[in-house]
């Protein structure tokens, strides 16, 4: 409850919300962030406790939804030329680990991170 006081933008994630609704909320939230804030750096807490079946997260994102969420966040950072640091947290079931690995692999491939890739284009 105390942490809620530090939240200045709530994207409104709800339990059992389908991936496409959650992802649209993330995109809408990022558009609001772009209008209201001037970020010098993004510290992205990429928790996976939002994945379906997680005992603590109370959300129901599919593994594909989590991979897409991470891509949306990185695309926003690169397109707006904002340095980003992704940290991992949450995720309390064995199926979270392969999802995290898939997401990181996707980010490397999508943004060509091994050679600088997309980050250098913006």
N, C-alpha and C. Protein backbone atom coordinates (compact mmCIF):
# COMPACT_ATOMS: atom_id res chain seq x y z
N UNK A 1 0.83 -1.19 0.00
CA UNK A 1 0.00 0.00 0.00
C UNK A 1 0.87 1.25 0.00
N UNK A 2 1.95 1.23 0.78
CA UNK A 2 2.83 2.39 0.85
C UNK A 2 3.50 2.67 -0.51
N UNK A 3 3.85 1.59 -1.23
CA UNK A 3 4.51 1.75 -2.54
C UNK A 3 3.60 2.45 -3.53
N UNK A 4 2.31 2.26 -3.44
CA UNK A 4 1.36 2.90 -4.36
C UNK A 4 1.49 4.42 -4.36
N UNK A 5 1.92 4.97 -3.24
CA UNK A 5 2.10 6.42 -3.14
C UNK A 5 3.18 6.95 -4.08
N UNK A 6 4.12 6.09 -4.47
CA UNK A 6 5.19 6.50 -5.38
C UNK A 6 4.88 6.29 -6.84
N UNK A 7 3.72 5.75 -7.15
CA UNK A 7 3.34 5.49 -8.54
C UNK A 7 2.63 6.71 -9.10
N UNK A 8 3.21 7.28 -10.16
CA UNK A 8 2.60 8.45 -10.76
C UNK A 8 1.79 8.12 -12.01
N UNK A 9 1.92 6.90 -12.51
CA UNK A 9 1.13 6.47 -13.67
C UNK A 9 0.80 5.00 -13.51
N UNK A 10 -0.47 4.69 -13.45
CA UNK A 10 -0.94 3.31 -13.31
C UNK A 10 -1.57 2.92 -14.64
N UNK A 11 -1.02 1.90 -15.30
CA UNK A 11 -1.57 1.51 -16.61
C UNK A 11 -2.83 0.66 -16.48
N UNK A 12 -3.17 0.30 -15.27
CA UNK A 12 -4.44 -0.40 -15.08
C UNK A 12 -4.45 -1.85 -15.50
N UNK A 13 -3.44 -2.62 -15.12
CA UNK A 13 -3.43 -4.05 -15.43
C UNK A 13 -4.44 -4.77 -14.54
N UNK A 14 -5.19 -5.68 -15.13
CA UNK A 14 -6.23 -6.39 -14.39
C UNK A 14 -6.05 -7.90 -14.56
N UNK A 15 -6.45 -8.65 -13.53
CA UNK A 15 -6.32 -10.10 -13.60
C UNK A 15 -7.18 -10.66 -14.72
N UNK A 16 -6.69 -11.72 -15.32
CA UNK A 16 -7.34 -12.44 -16.42
C UNK A 16 -7.57 -11.56 -17.66
N UNK A 17 -6.81 -10.50 -17.79
CA UNK A 17 -6.88 -9.63 -18.96
C UNK A 17 -6.08 -10.28 -20.09
N UNK A 18 -6.64 -10.36 -21.30
CA UNK A 18 -5.89 -10.98 -22.40
C UNK A 18 -4.64 -10.17 -22.78
N UNK A 19 -3.68 -10.85 -23.36
CA UNK A 19 -2.42 -10.21 -23.74
C UNK A 19 -2.63 -8.93 -24.53
N UNK A 20 -3.49 -8.98 -25.55
CA UNK A 20 -3.63 -7.81 -26.43
C UNK A 20 -4.15 -6.58 -25.69
N UNK A 21 -4.99 -6.78 -24.69
CA UNK A 21 -5.50 -5.65 -23.90
C UNK A 21 -4.38 -5.10 -23.02
N UNK A 22 -3.66 -5.99 -22.36
CA UNK A 22 -2.54 -5.57 -21.52
C UNK A 22 -1.49 -4.81 -22.34
N UNK A 23 -1.14 -5.36 -23.50
CA UNK A 23 -0.12 -4.71 -24.33
C UNK A 23 -0.58 -3.35 -24.83
N UNK A 24 -1.85 -3.21 -25.15
CA UNK A 24 -2.36 -1.90 -25.56
C UNK A 24 -2.28 -0.91 -24.40
N UNK A 25 -2.58 -1.38 -23.19
CA UNK A 25 -2.46 -0.52 -22.01
C UNK A 25 -1.01 -0.08 -21.80
N UNK A 26 -0.07 -0.98 -22.03
CA UNK A 26 1.35 -0.63 -21.91
C UNK A 26 1.70 0.43 -22.95
N UNK A 27 1.29 0.23 -24.19
CA UNK A 27 1.58 1.20 -25.26
C UNK A 27 0.95 2.56 -24.95
N UNK A 28 -0.28 2.54 -24.49
CA UNK A 28 -0.95 3.80 -24.12
C UNK A 28 -0.22 4.48 -22.97
N UNK A 29 0.21 3.68 -21.99
CA UNK A 29 0.96 4.23 -20.87
C UNK A 29 2.27 4.84 -21.31
N UNK A 30 2.95 4.20 -22.25
CA UNK A 30 4.21 4.75 -22.76
C UNK A 30 3.98 6.06 -23.52
N UNK A 31 2.86 6.15 -24.23
CA UNK A 31 2.53 7.40 -24.93
C UNK A 31 2.32 8.53 -23.91
N UNK A 32 1.67 8.21 -22.81
CA UNK A 32 1.47 9.19 -21.74
C UNK A 32 2.81 9.59 -21.12
N UNK A 33 3.66 8.60 -20.88
CA UNK A 33 4.99 8.88 -20.33
C UNK A 33 5.74 9.84 -21.24
N UNK A 34 5.68 9.59 -22.53
CA UNK A 34 6.40 10.44 -23.49
C UNK A 34 5.90 11.88 -23.44
N UNK A 35 4.60 12.05 -23.23
CA UNK A 35 4.01 13.40 -23.16
C UNK A 35 4.32 14.11 -21.84
N UNK A 36 4.38 13.35 -20.75
CA UNK A 36 4.44 13.97 -19.43
C UNK A 36 5.82 14.00 -18.78
N UNK A 37 6.74 13.16 -19.27
CA UNK A 37 8.05 13.07 -18.64
C UNK A 37 9.16 13.25 -19.68
N UNK A 38 10.30 13.67 -19.19
CA UNK A 38 11.50 13.73 -20.02
C UNK A 38 12.53 12.83 -19.36
N UNK A 39 12.56 11.58 -19.79
CA UNK A 39 13.41 10.58 -19.14
C UNK A 39 14.84 10.63 -19.69
N UNK A 40 15.79 10.55 -18.78
CA UNK A 40 17.20 10.45 -19.15
C UNK A 40 17.65 8.99 -19.19
N UNK A 41 16.85 8.12 -18.56
CA UNK A 41 17.25 6.73 -18.39
C UNK A 41 16.01 5.92 -18.02
N UNK A 42 15.93 4.68 -18.52
CA UNK A 42 14.85 3.78 -18.13
C UNK A 42 15.46 2.61 -17.37
N UNK A 43 15.00 2.40 -16.16
CA UNK A 43 15.32 1.21 -15.39
C UNK A 43 14.07 0.34 -15.46
N UNK A 44 14.14 -0.68 -16.28
CA UNK A 44 12.99 -1.52 -16.59
C UNK A 44 12.99 -2.76 -15.72
N UNK A 45 12.05 -2.83 -14.80
CA UNK A 45 11.88 -3.98 -13.92
C UNK A 45 10.99 -4.99 -14.64
N UNK A 46 11.62 -5.95 -15.29
CA UNK A 46 10.92 -6.89 -16.18
C UNK A 46 10.48 -8.14 -15.43
N UNK A 47 9.59 -7.97 -14.48
CA UNK A 47 9.10 -9.10 -13.71
C UNK A 47 8.25 -10.04 -14.55
N UNK A 48 8.28 -11.31 -14.17
CA UNK A 48 7.44 -12.29 -14.85
C UNK A 48 6.41 -12.89 -13.91
N UNK A 49 6.20 -12.27 -12.78
CA UNK A 49 5.15 -12.75 -11.89
C UNK A 49 3.76 -12.41 -12.44
N UNK A 50 3.72 -11.73 -13.56
CA UNK A 50 2.46 -11.43 -14.26
C UNK A 50 2.03 -12.59 -15.17
N UNK A 51 2.88 -13.64 -15.27
CA UNK A 51 2.59 -14.74 -16.18
C UNK A 51 1.48 -15.64 -15.62
N UNK A 52 0.68 -16.14 -16.52
CA UNK A 52 -0.43 -17.01 -16.14
C UNK A 52 0.07 -18.15 -15.24
N UNK A 53 -0.66 -18.39 -14.17
CA UNK A 53 -0.32 -19.46 -13.26
C UNK A 53 0.60 -19.05 -12.12
N UNK A 54 1.18 -17.86 -12.18
CA UNK A 54 2.09 -17.45 -11.11
C UNK A 54 1.28 -17.23 -9.82
N UNK A 55 1.75 -17.78 -8.71
CA UNK A 55 0.97 -17.70 -7.48
C UNK A 55 0.90 -16.32 -6.84
N UNK A 56 1.75 -15.40 -7.22
CA UNK A 56 1.76 -14.08 -6.58
C UNK A 56 1.33 -12.93 -7.48
N UNK A 57 1.47 -13.08 -8.78
CA UNK A 57 1.27 -11.96 -9.68
C UNK A 57 -0.17 -11.57 -9.92
N UNK A 58 -1.09 -12.50 -9.85
CA UNK A 58 -2.52 -12.24 -10.04
C UNK A 58 -2.85 -11.68 -11.43
N UNK A 59 -2.00 -11.92 -12.41
CA UNK A 59 -2.30 -11.55 -13.79
C UNK A 59 -2.25 -12.83 -14.62
N UNK A 60 -2.46 -12.70 -15.92
CA UNK A 60 -2.53 -13.93 -16.72
C UNK A 60 -1.90 -13.77 -18.10
N UNK A 61 -0.76 -13.09 -18.15
CA UNK A 61 -0.08 -12.96 -19.44
C UNK A 61 0.48 -14.31 -19.88
N UNK A 62 0.41 -14.56 -21.17
CA UNK A 62 1.05 -15.76 -21.72
C UNK A 62 2.55 -15.47 -21.85
N UNK A 63 3.35 -16.52 -22.00
CA UNK A 63 4.78 -16.28 -22.26
C UNK A 63 4.99 -15.39 -23.49
N UNK A 64 4.20 -15.58 -24.54
CA UNK A 64 4.32 -14.73 -25.74
C UNK A 64 3.98 -13.27 -25.40
N UNK A 65 3.03 -13.08 -24.50
CA UNK A 65 2.67 -11.73 -24.09
C UNK A 65 3.80 -11.04 -23.35
N UNK A 66 4.53 -11.79 -22.54
CA UNK A 66 5.67 -11.23 -21.82
C UNK A 66 6.79 -10.88 -22.79
N UNK A 67 7.05 -11.74 -23.76
CA UNK A 67 8.06 -11.46 -24.78
C UNK A 67 7.68 -10.19 -25.54
N UNK A 68 6.42 -10.07 -25.91
CA UNK A 68 5.94 -8.88 -26.63
C UNK A 68 6.05 -7.64 -25.77
N UNK A 69 5.71 -7.75 -24.48
CA UNK A 69 5.80 -6.60 -23.56
C UNK A 69 7.23 -6.08 -23.51
N UNK A 70 8.20 -6.98 -23.36
CA UNK A 70 9.59 -6.56 -23.29
C UNK A 70 10.03 -5.89 -24.59
N UNK A 71 9.57 -6.42 -25.71
CA UNK A 71 9.90 -5.80 -27.00
C UNK A 71 9.30 -4.41 -27.12
N UNK A 72 8.08 -4.23 -26.67
CA UNK A 72 7.42 -2.92 -26.70
C UNK A 72 8.22 -1.90 -25.89
N UNK A 73 8.66 -2.31 -24.71
CA UNK A 73 9.42 -1.40 -23.85
C UNK A 73 10.76 -1.03 -24.49
N UNK A 74 11.46 -2.01 -25.01
CA UNK A 74 12.76 -1.73 -25.65
C UNK A 74 12.59 -0.88 -26.90
N UNK A 75 11.56 -1.15 -27.69
CA UNK A 75 11.32 -0.36 -28.89
C UNK A 75 11.08 1.11 -28.51
N UNK A 76 10.29 1.33 -27.47
CA UNK A 76 10.03 2.68 -26.99
C UNK A 76 11.35 3.36 -26.59
N UNK A 77 12.19 2.65 -25.84
CA UNK A 77 13.46 3.23 -25.41
C UNK A 77 14.34 3.59 -26.60
N UNK A 78 14.48 2.67 -27.54
CA UNK A 78 15.35 2.92 -28.69
C UNK A 78 14.80 4.03 -29.58
N UNK A 79 13.51 4.00 -29.85
CA UNK A 79 12.92 5.02 -30.73
C UNK A 79 13.01 6.42 -30.12
N UNK A 80 13.05 6.48 -28.80
CA UNK A 80 13.12 7.78 -28.13
C UNK A 80 14.51 8.10 -27.61
N UNK A 81 15.47 7.26 -28.03
CA UNK A 81 16.88 7.47 -27.70
C UNK A 81 17.11 7.60 -26.19
N UNK A 82 16.47 6.71 -25.44
CA UNK A 82 16.61 6.71 -23.98
C UNK A 82 17.38 5.44 -23.58
N UNK A 83 18.51 5.58 -22.92
CA UNK A 83 19.23 4.39 -22.46
C UNK A 83 18.33 3.55 -21.56
N UNK A 84 18.47 2.23 -21.66
CA UNK A 84 17.62 1.33 -20.88
C UNK A 84 18.46 0.26 -20.22
N UNK A 85 18.10 -0.07 -18.99
CA UNK A 85 18.69 -1.19 -18.25
C UNK A 85 17.54 -2.08 -17.80
N UNK A 86 17.58 -3.33 -18.22
CA UNK A 86 16.53 -4.29 -17.86
C UNK A 86 17.01 -5.14 -16.69
N UNK A 87 16.21 -5.16 -15.63
CA UNK A 87 16.50 -6.04 -14.50
C UNK A 87 15.37 -7.06 -14.39
N UNK A 88 15.71 -8.23 -13.92
CA UNK A 88 14.72 -9.30 -13.81
C UNK A 88 14.24 -9.39 -12.37
N UNK A 89 12.95 -9.70 -12.22
CA UNK A 89 12.40 -9.86 -10.88
C UNK A 89 11.11 -10.67 -10.99
N UNK A 90 10.65 -11.12 -9.86
CA UNK A 90 9.38 -11.85 -9.84
C UNK A 90 9.41 -13.07 -10.73
N UNK A 91 8.37 -13.84 -10.65
CA UNK A 91 8.29 -15.08 -11.40
C UNK A 91 8.57 -16.24 -10.48
N UNK A 92 7.54 -16.90 -10.05
CA UNK A 92 7.67 -17.87 -8.98
C UNK A 92 7.22 -19.28 -9.38
N UNK A 93 7.45 -19.61 -10.65
CA UNK A 93 7.16 -20.96 -11.12
C UNK A 93 8.25 -21.36 -12.10
N UNK A 94 8.46 -22.64 -12.26
CA UNK A 94 9.56 -23.11 -13.12
C UNK A 94 9.40 -22.67 -14.57
N UNK A 95 8.19 -22.47 -15.03
CA UNK A 95 7.97 -22.09 -16.43
C UNK A 95 8.39 -20.65 -16.72
N UNK A 96 8.69 -19.87 -15.69
CA UNK A 96 9.12 -18.49 -15.93
C UNK A 96 10.51 -18.42 -16.56
N UNK A 97 11.40 -19.32 -16.17
CA UNK A 97 12.78 -19.26 -16.67
C UNK A 97 12.86 -19.38 -18.19
N UNK A 98 12.19 -20.35 -18.82
CA UNK A 98 12.25 -20.40 -20.29
C UNK A 98 11.64 -19.16 -20.94
N UNK A 99 10.63 -18.60 -20.33
CA UNK A 99 10.01 -17.38 -20.87
C UNK A 99 10.99 -16.21 -20.83
N UNK A 100 11.70 -16.07 -19.73
CA UNK A 100 12.72 -15.02 -19.60
C UNK A 100 13.80 -15.21 -20.65
N UNK A 101 14.26 -16.44 -20.81
CA UNK A 101 15.31 -16.73 -21.81
C UNK A 101 14.81 -16.41 -23.21
N UNK A 102 13.57 -16.77 -23.51
CA UNK A 102 13.01 -16.49 -24.83
C UNK A 102 12.91 -14.99 -25.08
N UNK A 103 12.52 -14.25 -24.05
CA UNK A 103 12.41 -12.80 -24.20
C UNK A 103 13.76 -12.16 -24.48
N UNK A 104 14.75 -12.55 -23.71
CA UNK A 104 16.09 -11.98 -23.91
C UNK A 104 16.63 -12.34 -25.29
N UNK A 105 16.42 -13.58 -25.70
CA UNK A 105 16.83 -14.00 -27.04
C UNK A 105 16.12 -13.17 -28.11
N UNK A 106 14.83 -12.95 -27.92
CA UNK A 106 14.07 -12.13 -28.86
C UNK A 106 14.61 -10.70 -28.93
N UNK A 107 14.94 -10.12 -27.79
CA UNK A 107 15.47 -8.75 -27.78
C UNK A 107 16.80 -8.68 -28.53
N UNK A 108 17.66 -9.67 -28.32
CA UNK A 108 18.94 -9.69 -29.03
C UNK A 108 18.72 -9.81 -30.54
N UNK A 109 17.80 -10.67 -30.95
CA UNK A 109 17.55 -10.86 -32.38
C UNK A 109 16.82 -9.68 -32.99
N UNK A 110 15.79 -9.20 -32.34
CA UNK A 110 14.97 -8.11 -32.88
C UNK A 110 15.77 -6.82 -33.03
N UNK A 111 16.57 -6.51 -32.03
CA UNK A 111 17.29 -5.24 -32.01
C UNK A 111 18.77 -5.39 -32.32
N UNK A 112 19.17 -6.59 -32.73
CA UNK A 112 20.56 -6.85 -33.10
C UNK A 112 21.52 -6.33 -32.03
N UNK A 113 21.20 -6.66 -30.78
CA UNK A 113 21.95 -6.11 -29.65
C UNK A 113 23.41 -6.55 -29.61
N UNK A 114 23.74 -7.69 -30.20
CA UNK A 114 25.12 -8.15 -30.16
C UNK A 114 26.06 -7.24 -30.92
N UNK A 115 25.53 -6.50 -31.88
CA UNK A 115 26.40 -5.63 -32.67
C UNK A 115 26.01 -4.16 -32.56
N UNK A 116 25.20 -3.83 -31.57
CA UNK A 116 24.77 -2.45 -31.43
C UNK A 116 23.45 -2.20 -32.12
N UNK A 117 23.28 -2.76 -33.29
CA UNK A 117 22.03 -2.80 -34.04
C UNK A 117 21.14 -1.59 -33.95
N UNK A 118 19.90 -1.83 -33.62
CA UNK A 118 18.88 -0.80 -33.66
C UNK A 118 19.18 0.37 -32.75
N UNK A 119 19.82 0.10 -31.62
CA UNK A 119 20.14 1.19 -30.69
C UNK A 119 20.97 2.26 -31.38
N UNK A 120 21.81 1.87 -32.32
CA UNK A 120 22.65 2.84 -33.03
C UNK A 120 21.88 3.60 -34.10
N UNK A 121 20.71 3.12 -34.47
CA UNK A 121 19.94 3.75 -35.54
C UNK A 121 19.10 4.93 -35.04
N UNK A 122 18.94 5.06 -33.73
CA UNK A 122 18.06 6.10 -33.20
C UNK A 122 18.83 7.15 -32.46
